[in-house]
Amino acid sequence: MANVKDLKQKLDWQLKARVISEDYYNTEMHRLLIIEDAADDLKKAMDKDLAGAVADLKAKASDAEFKAAANKGTEDGQPEDEKVPFNTTPIACAKMFPTQAEIGFGNSLDDIVNDKYGAIESAFTNPVKMPSPDGKIPVLCAEVDGQVAILDGHHRWSLCFMINPKAQMMCDIMKAPAGMGAEDALKAMQLAIAAKAGKVITKPFEGQDLMATSTEEVRKYVLENIGDKEVATFAKFDKALNTKEAVADHVANSHKLIVKMKGPYPRTIMPQAGKSGDKTTQTAVNTAFQSGEINFKEPFKESATKAIDKMLKEAIKKGKA
């Protein structure tokens, strides 16, 4: 990060040499200081852990200069370094790793026992797109350290896993740059939401946690609540699952697997692109990553020398000397 004193010294020289006017000097020095502050704030946020970064982004996202800095990935002196490819492809449900610690008991089981939105059939339809209030959309993931980490869509994933752990789920996969882990991918995603929405909204976890519930309780819940119609739908895809007991055992076996995959981060700091802004969608955020707009790593701004040289050329061009 450039030293503000160095910036001021160079501008002072140009002012004394009458390359720029005093009014222009004052205006541009003020602008450079604001840019410097915004870049510093951006660096401080991205240097923190996920919880700290999310707290900073919530506090700063509505600031116009901070938001501008967050969107300047192509104007930071290295226009290509933050271009992040995405691809949409099916991934084995059992090979997707949650980053979220809590999974809603009701989200995962009520949609099974009541076959809400046709969840059972969806989980057995290859490739899988699970239903949700927002429609059938891929799960958002990042490829990090040779693994596929879930960034958003944990409840759709868990619902599918409990029904059919052998499923292949459609995923929008962020190809994370070398050296980026799951926490860094989550921070970058939250920054992208801040950059596009001007705010960061997260949701608290409510209700019972599937990952902290015993497998026997899960089995009992399914056995006592699943209907004959839902059993028949399971049997349509697996003839062995033709009784309430068989389905309850099947879901219990899935639960034994999923509790071993508990993620490290609380729901309260997980990304929610569609909830953070009326005009912000996950697709728009992904597109911004692909173009390199999201300024998630150093350098966070163009070098001071280039910025000042550009400013001086503009001053001379406009006759402000």
Protein backbone atom coordinates (compact mmCIF):
# COMPACT_ATOMS: atom_id res chain seq x y z
CA MET A 1 0.00 0.00 0.00
CA ALA A 2 1.43 3.36 -0.99
CA ASN A 3 2.46 5.86 1.66
CA VAL A 4 0.17 8.91 1.74
CA LYS A 5 3.13 11.13 2.61
CA ASP A 6 4.85 10.07 -0.62
CA LEU A 7 1.71 10.91 -2.57
CA LYS A 8 1.50 14.33 -0.96
CA GLN A 9 5.20 15.03 -1.59
CA LYS A 10 4.92 14.29 -5.28
CA LEU A 11 1.81 16.46 -5.58
CA ASP A 12 3.59 19.23 -3.66
CA TRP A 13 6.40 19.20 -6.20
CA GLN A 14 3.95 19.39 -9.06
CA LEU A 15 2.12 22.27 -7.39
CA LYS A 16 5.36 24.24 -6.81
CA ALA A 17 6.37 23.63 -10.42
CA ARG A 18 2.92 24.90 -11.41
CA VAL A 19 2.12 21.73 -13.28
CA ILE A 20 -1.19 21.72 -11.42
CA SER A 21 -3.28 24.46 -9.87
CA GLU A 22 -3.89 24.80 -6.12
CA ASP A 23 -7.61 24.07 -6.53
CA TYR A 24 -6.86 20.95 -8.53
CA TYR A 25 -4.23 19.95 -5.99
CA ASN A 26 -6.72 20.20 -3.11
CA THR A 27 -9.46 18.35 -4.97
CA GLU A 28 -7.26 15.51 -6.17
CA MET A 29 -5.36 15.15 -2.90
CA HIS A 30 -8.69 14.73 -1.14
CA ARG A 31 -9.81 12.17 -3.72
CA LEU A 32 -6.57 10.18 -3.43
CA LEU A 33 -6.85 10.11 0.35
CA ILE A 34 -10.40 8.75 0.11
CA ILE A 35 -9.28 6.06 -2.35
CA GLU A 36 -6.37 5.22 -0.05
CA ASP A 37 -8.68 4.90 2.96
CA ALA A 38 -11.15 2.70 1.08
CA ALA A 39 -8.35 0.42 -0.14
CA ASP A 40 -6.97 0.19 3.39
CA ASP A 41 -10.41 -0.73 4.75
CA LEU A 42 -10.78 -3.37 2.04
CA LYS A 43 -7.39 -4.89 2.87
CA LYS A 44 -8.13 -4.90 6.60
CA ALA A 45 -11.44 -6.70 6.03
CA MET A 46 -9.96 -9.38 3.76
CA ASP A 47 -7.03 -9.96 6.16
CA LYS A 48 -9.45 -10.96 8.95
CA ASP A 49 -11.03 -14.34 9.57
CA LEU A 50 -14.46 -15.00 8.11
CA ALA A 51 -16.42 -13.67 11.09
CA GLY A 52 -14.30 -10.50 11.25
CA ALA A 53 -14.49 -9.94 7.50
CA VAL A 54 -18.29 -10.32 7.47
CA ALA A 55 -18.61 -7.85 10.36
CA ASP A 56 -16.45 -5.30 8.49
CA LEU A 57 -18.34 -5.83 5.23
CA LYS A 58 -21.68 -5.32 6.95
CA ALA A 59 -20.41 -2.05 8.41
CA LYS A 60 -18.73 -0.76 5.23
CA ALA A 61 -20.80 -2.11 2.32
CA SER A 62 -23.09 0.92 2.11
CA ASP A 63 -20.15 3.34 1.90
CA ALA A 64 -19.88 4.52 -1.71
CA GLU A 65 -16.06 4.65 -1.77
CA PHE A 66 -15.68 1.24 -0.17
CA LYS A 67 -18.18 -0.26 -2.61
CA ALA A 68 -16.31 1.35 -5.50
CA ALA A 69 -13.02 -0.12 -4.26
CA ALA A 70 -14.62 -3.56 -3.94
CA ASN A 71 -15.68 -3.38 -7.60
CA LYS A 72 -12.27 -2.31 -8.95
CA GLY A 73 -10.66 -5.69 -9.52
CA THR A 74 -9.96 -4.73 -13.15
CA GLU A 75 -8.59 -1.31 -12.15
CA ASP A 76 -6.17 -2.29 -9.40
CA GLY A 77 -3.06 -2.47 -11.55
CA GLN A 78 -3.49 -6.21 -12.23
CA PRO A 79 -6.70 -6.51 -14.29
CA GLU A 80 -6.47 -10.28 -14.81
CA ASP A 81 -5.55 -11.53 -11.33
CA GLU A 82 -9.09 -11.75 -9.98
CA LYS A 83 -10.84 -13.38 -12.92
CA VAL A 84 -12.49 -16.47 -11.45
CA PRO A 85 -14.06 -19.06 -13.77
CA PHE A 86 -17.32 -20.83 -12.90
CA ASN A 87 -18.79 -23.95 -14.40
CA THR A 88 -22.07 -25.75 -13.87
CA THR A 89 -21.73 -29.50 -13.56
CA PRO A 90 -23.07 -32.45 -11.53
CA ILE A 91 -21.06 -33.51 -8.49
CA ALA A 92 -21.61 -36.59 -6.31
CA CYS A 93 -23.60 -35.54 -3.26
CA ALA A 94 -21.26 -37.49 -0.98
CA LYS A 95 -18.23 -35.63 -2.39
CA MET A 96 -19.54 -32.15 -1.59
CA PHE A 97 -18.32 -30.82 1.74
CA PRO A 98 -20.42 -28.42 3.83
CA THR A 99 -18.82 -25.28 5.23
CA GLN A 100 -21.87 -24.52 7.41
CA ALA A 101 -21.98 -26.09 10.85
CA GLU A 102 -25.74 -26.20 11.41
CA ILE A 103 -28.30 -27.89 9.19
CA GLY A 104 -32.01 -27.42 9.82
CA PHE A 105 -33.72 -30.56 11.10
CA GLY A 106 -37.04 -29.43 9.66
CA ASN A 107 -35.55 -28.32 6.33
CA SER A 108 -33.99 -31.73 5.90
CA LEU A 109 -36.77 -33.99 7.18
CA ASP A 110 -40.12 -32.22 6.87
CA ASP A 111 -39.72 -31.95 3.11
CA ILE A 112 -39.18 -35.72 3.07
CA VAL A 113 -42.05 -36.88 5.24
CA ASN A 114 -44.44 -34.45 3.51
CA ASP A 115 -42.73 -34.70 0.11
CA LYS A 116 -42.85 -30.92 -0.07
CA TYR A 117 -42.28 -29.54 -3.57
CA GLY A 118 -41.69 -33.07 -4.90
CA ALA A 119 -38.38 -33.37 -3.08
CA ILE A 120 -38.22 -37.19 -3.13
CA GLU A 121 -38.55 -37.52 -6.89
CA SER A 122 -36.16 -34.62 -7.43
CA ALA A 123 -33.46 -36.33 -5.34
CA PHE A 124 -33.68 -39.46 -7.51
CA THR A 125 -33.68 -37.57 -10.83
CA ASN A 126 -30.21 -37.40 -12.36
CA PRO A 127 -28.70 -34.82 -12.32
CA VAL A 128 -30.40 -33.40 -9.24
CA LYS A 129 -31.75 -29.87 -8.80
CA MET A 130 -33.57 -29.76 -5.51
CA PRO A 131 -36.72 -27.63 -5.18
CA SER A 132 -36.73 -24.54 -2.98
CA PRO A 133 -38.80 -21.38 -2.56
CA ASP A 134 -36.44 -19.78 -5.13
CA GLY A 135 -36.96 -22.58 -7.64
CA LYS A 136 -34.68 -25.41 -8.74
CA ILE A 137 -31.23 -23.87 -8.77
CA PRO A 138 -27.74 -25.39 -8.56
CA VAL A 139 -25.87 -25.48 -5.25
CA LEU A 140 -23.14 -22.84 -5.03
CA CYS A 141 -19.72 -24.40 -4.45
CA ALA A 142 -16.01 -23.65 -4.69
CA GLU A 143 -13.30 -26.02 -5.80
CA VAL A 144 -10.62 -25.61 -3.13
CA ASP A 145 -7.72 -27.84 -2.15
CA GLY A 146 -8.96 -30.51 -4.56
CA GLN A 147 -12.37 -30.64 -2.88
CA VAL A 148 -15.80 -29.19 -3.64
CA ALA A 149 -16.89 -27.00 -0.72
CA ILE A 150 -20.50 -25.81 -0.44
CA LEU A 151 -20.80 -22.02 -0.07
CA ASP A 152 -24.59 -21.67 -0.28
CA GLY A 153 -27.39 -24.22 -0.62
CA HIS A 154 -26.67 -26.38 2.41
CA HIS A 155 -30.32 -27.19 3.06
CA ARG A 156 -30.93 -28.30 -0.52
CA TRP A 157 -27.82 -30.45 -0.28
CA SER A 158 -28.79 -31.96 3.07
CA LEU A 159 -32.34 -32.67 1.88
CA CYS A 160 -30.99 -34.49 -1.16
CA PHE A 161 -28.37 -36.32 0.92
CA MET A 162 -30.95 -37.63 3.39
CA ILE A 163 -33.11 -38.96 0.53
CA ASN A 164 -30.43 -40.22 -1.83
CA PRO A 165 -26.77 -39.93 -0.75
CA LYS A 166 -25.73 -41.44 -4.09
CA ALA A 167 -27.21 -38.51 -6.03
CA GLN A 168 -25.33 -36.33 -8.49
CA MET A 169 -26.23 -32.70 -7.74
CA MET A 170 -26.00 -29.81 -10.20
CA CYS A 171 -23.55 -27.25 -8.84
CA ASP A 172 -22.30 -23.81 -9.85
CA ILE A 173 -18.61 -24.25 -9.06
CA MET A 174 -16.21 -21.39 -8.44
CA LYS A 175 -12.72 -22.42 -9.56
CA ALA A 176 -10.82 -20.84 -6.69
CA PRO A 177 -7.34 -19.42 -7.42
CA ALA A 178 -4.32 -21.35 -6.16
CA GLY A 179 -3.82 -20.97 -2.44
CA MET A 180 -7.44 -20.07 -1.69
CA GLY A 181 -9.10 -22.24 0.93
CA ALA A 182 -12.78 -22.57 1.81
CA GLU A 183 -12.66 -19.67 4.28
CA ASP A 184 -11.05 -17.41 1.68
CA ALA A 185 -13.68 -18.42 -0.88
CA LEU A 186 -16.45 -17.55 1.58
CA LYS A 187 -14.84 -14.17 2.33
CA ALA A 188 -14.49 -13.42 -1.38
CA MET A 189 -18.14 -14.37 -1.94
CA GLN A 190 -19.30 -12.09 0.88
CA LEU A 191 -17.18 -9.27 -0.56
CA ALA A 192 -18.76 -9.81 -3.98
CA ILE A 193 -22.22 -9.58 -2.41
CA ALA A 194 -21.21 -6.36 -0.65
CA ALA A 195 -19.83 -4.99 -3.92
CA LYS A 196 -22.99 -5.73 -5.88
CA ALA A 197 -25.72 -5.26 -3.25
CA GLY A 198 -24.20 -2.50 -1.15
CA LYS A 199 -25.09 -4.54 1.93
CA VAL A 200 -24.49 -7.97 3.43
CA ILE A 201 -27.44 -9.83 4.91
CA THR A 202 -26.97 -13.05 6.85
CA LYS A 203 -29.54 -15.26 8.53
CA PRO A 204 -29.52 -16.70 12.05
CA PHE A 205 -29.95 -20.40 12.56
CA GLU A 206 -33.34 -21.30 13.97
CA GLY A 207 -34.86 -24.54 15.17
CA GLN A 208 -33.34 -27.94 15.77
CA ASP A 209 -29.92 -28.79 14.31
CA LEU A 210 -29.81 -32.00 12.28
CA MET A 211 -26.05 -32.23 12.88
CA ALA A 212 -26.59 -32.25 16.66
CA THR A 213 -29.49 -34.75 16.65
CA SER A 214 -29.11 -38.47 17.32
CA THR A 215 -29.64 -40.88 14.45
CA GLU A 216 -32.26 -42.73 16.50
CA GLU A 217 -34.27 -39.54 16.87
CA VAL A 218 -34.09 -39.01 13.12
CA ARG A 219 -35.27 -42.56 12.47
CA LYS A 220 -38.14 -42.22 14.92
CA TYR A 221 -39.24 -38.90 13.43
CA VAL A 222 -39.40 -40.30 9.90
CA LEU A 223 -41.15 -43.49 11.01
CA GLU A 224 -43.84 -41.58 12.91
CA ASN A 225 -44.44 -38.85 10.34
CA ILE A 226 -43.96 -40.17 6.83
CA GLY A 227 -47.10 -40.92 4.85
CA ASP A 228 -48.01 -43.84 2.58
CA LYS A 229 -47.81 -41.62 -0.50
CA GLU A 230 -44.24 -40.65 0.34
CA VAL A 231 -43.26 -44.29 0.90
CA ALA A 232 -44.72 -45.16 -2.48
CA THR A 233 -42.58 -42.45 -4.09
CA PHE A 234 -39.42 -43.88 -2.48
CA ALA A 235 -40.42 -47.37 -3.68
CA LYS A 236 -40.83 -46.04 -7.22
CA PHE A 237 -37.06 -45.52 -7.31
CA ASP A 238 -35.94 -48.29 -4.96
CA LYS A 239 -38.22 -51.30 -4.54
CA ALA A 240 -36.63 -52.15 -1.19
CA LEU A 241 -37.94 -48.87 0.27
CA ASN A 242 -41.57 -50.02 0.29
CA THR A 243 -42.42 -49.67 3.99
CA LYS A 244 -42.24 -46.87 6.55
CA GLU A 245 -39.67 -48.86 8.48
CA ALA A 246 -37.46 -49.34 5.41
CA VAL A 247 -37.55 -45.64 4.56
CA ALA A 248 -36.87 -44.64 8.18
CA ASP A 249 -33.83 -46.96 8.25
CA HIS A 250 -32.65 -45.59 4.90
CA VAL A 251 -32.83 -41.97 6.10
CA ALA A 252 -31.16 -42.93 9.39
CA ASN A 253 -28.26 -44.48 7.48
CA SER A 254 -27.91 -41.24 5.51
CA HIS A 255 -27.86 -39.32 8.77
CA LYS A 256 -24.99 -41.44 10.11
CA LEU A 257 -22.95 -40.26 7.13
CA ILE A 258 -23.94 -36.61 7.06
CA VAL A 259 -23.15 -35.89 10.74
CA LYS A 260 -19.53 -36.81 10.04
CA MET A 261 -19.37 -33.98 7.48
CA LYS A 262 -20.26 -31.09 9.82
CA GLY A 263 -18.85 -27.79 8.56
CA PRO A 264 -16.81 -25.30 10.63
CA TYR A 265 -18.72 -21.99 10.19
CA PRO A 266 -21.99 -20.84 11.80
CA ARG A 267 -24.94 -19.94 9.58
CA THR A 268 -24.83 -16.38 10.89
CA ILE A 269 -21.83 -15.54 8.68
CA MET A 270 -22.73 -17.52 5.54
CA PRO A 271 -23.41 -15.82 2.17
CA GLN A 272 -26.98 -15.01 1.08
CA ALA A 273 -26.70 -13.23 -2.28
CA GLY A 274 -30.39 -13.30 -3.16
CA LYS A 275 -31.39 -11.97 0.27
CA SER A 276 -28.87 -9.11 0.38
CA GLY A 277 -30.33 -6.89 -2.31
CA ASP A 278 -33.54 -6.67 -4.31
CA LYS A 279 -31.61 -6.55 -7.58
CA THR A 280 -28.75 -8.82 -6.55
CA THR A 281 -28.73 -12.44 -7.68
CA GLN A 282 -26.16 -15.18 -7.29
CA THR A 283 -25.86 -15.25 -11.08
CA ALA A 284 -24.93 -11.54 -11.13
CA VAL A 285 -22.34 -12.12 -8.41
CA ASN A 286 -20.83 -15.08 -10.29
CA THR A 287 -20.68 -13.03 -13.49
CA ALA A 288 -18.80 -10.27 -11.64
CA PHE A 289 -16.22 -12.83 -10.50
CA GLN A 290 -15.80 -14.12 -14.04
CA SER A 291 -15.11 -10.63 -15.38
CA GLY A 292 -12.53 -9.95 -12.64
CA GLU A 293 -14.52 -7.06 -11.10
CA ILE A 294 -14.42 -8.31 -7.51
CA ASN A 295 -11.36 -6.85 -5.80
CA PHE A 296 -10.76 -9.64 -3.28
CA LYS A 297 -6.97 -9.79 -3.16
CA GLU A 298 -3.92 -7.55 -3.34
CA PRO A 299 -3.25 -5.21 -4.95
CA PHE A 300 -6.44 -3.49 -3.82
CA LYS A 301 -5.75 -0.36 -5.86
CA GLU A 302 -3.60 0.92 -8.66
CA SER A 303 -0.08 1.95 -7.63
CA ALA A 304 0.25 5.49 -6.34
CA THR A 305 2.73 6.45 -9.04
CA LYS A 306 0.40 5.38 -11.83
CA ALA A 307 -2.59 7.04 -10.19
CA ILE A 308 -0.77 10.37 -9.82
CA ASP A 309 0.77 10.25 -13.30
CA LYS A 310 -2.67 9.58 -14.75
CA MET A 311 -4.13 12.45 -12.72
CA LEU A 312 -1.42 14.87 -13.86
CA LYS A 313 -1.83 13.97 -17.52
CA GLU A 314 -5.57 14.54 -17.14
CA ALA A 315 -4.91 17.90 -15.44
CA ILE A 316 -2.67 19.09 -18.27
CA LYS A 317 -5.12 17.82 -20.89
CA LYS A 318 -7.97 19.75 -19.26
CA GLY A 319 -5.87 22.86 -18.83
CA LYS A 320 -5.98 22.74 -15.03
CA ALA A 321 -2.30 23.54 -14.62
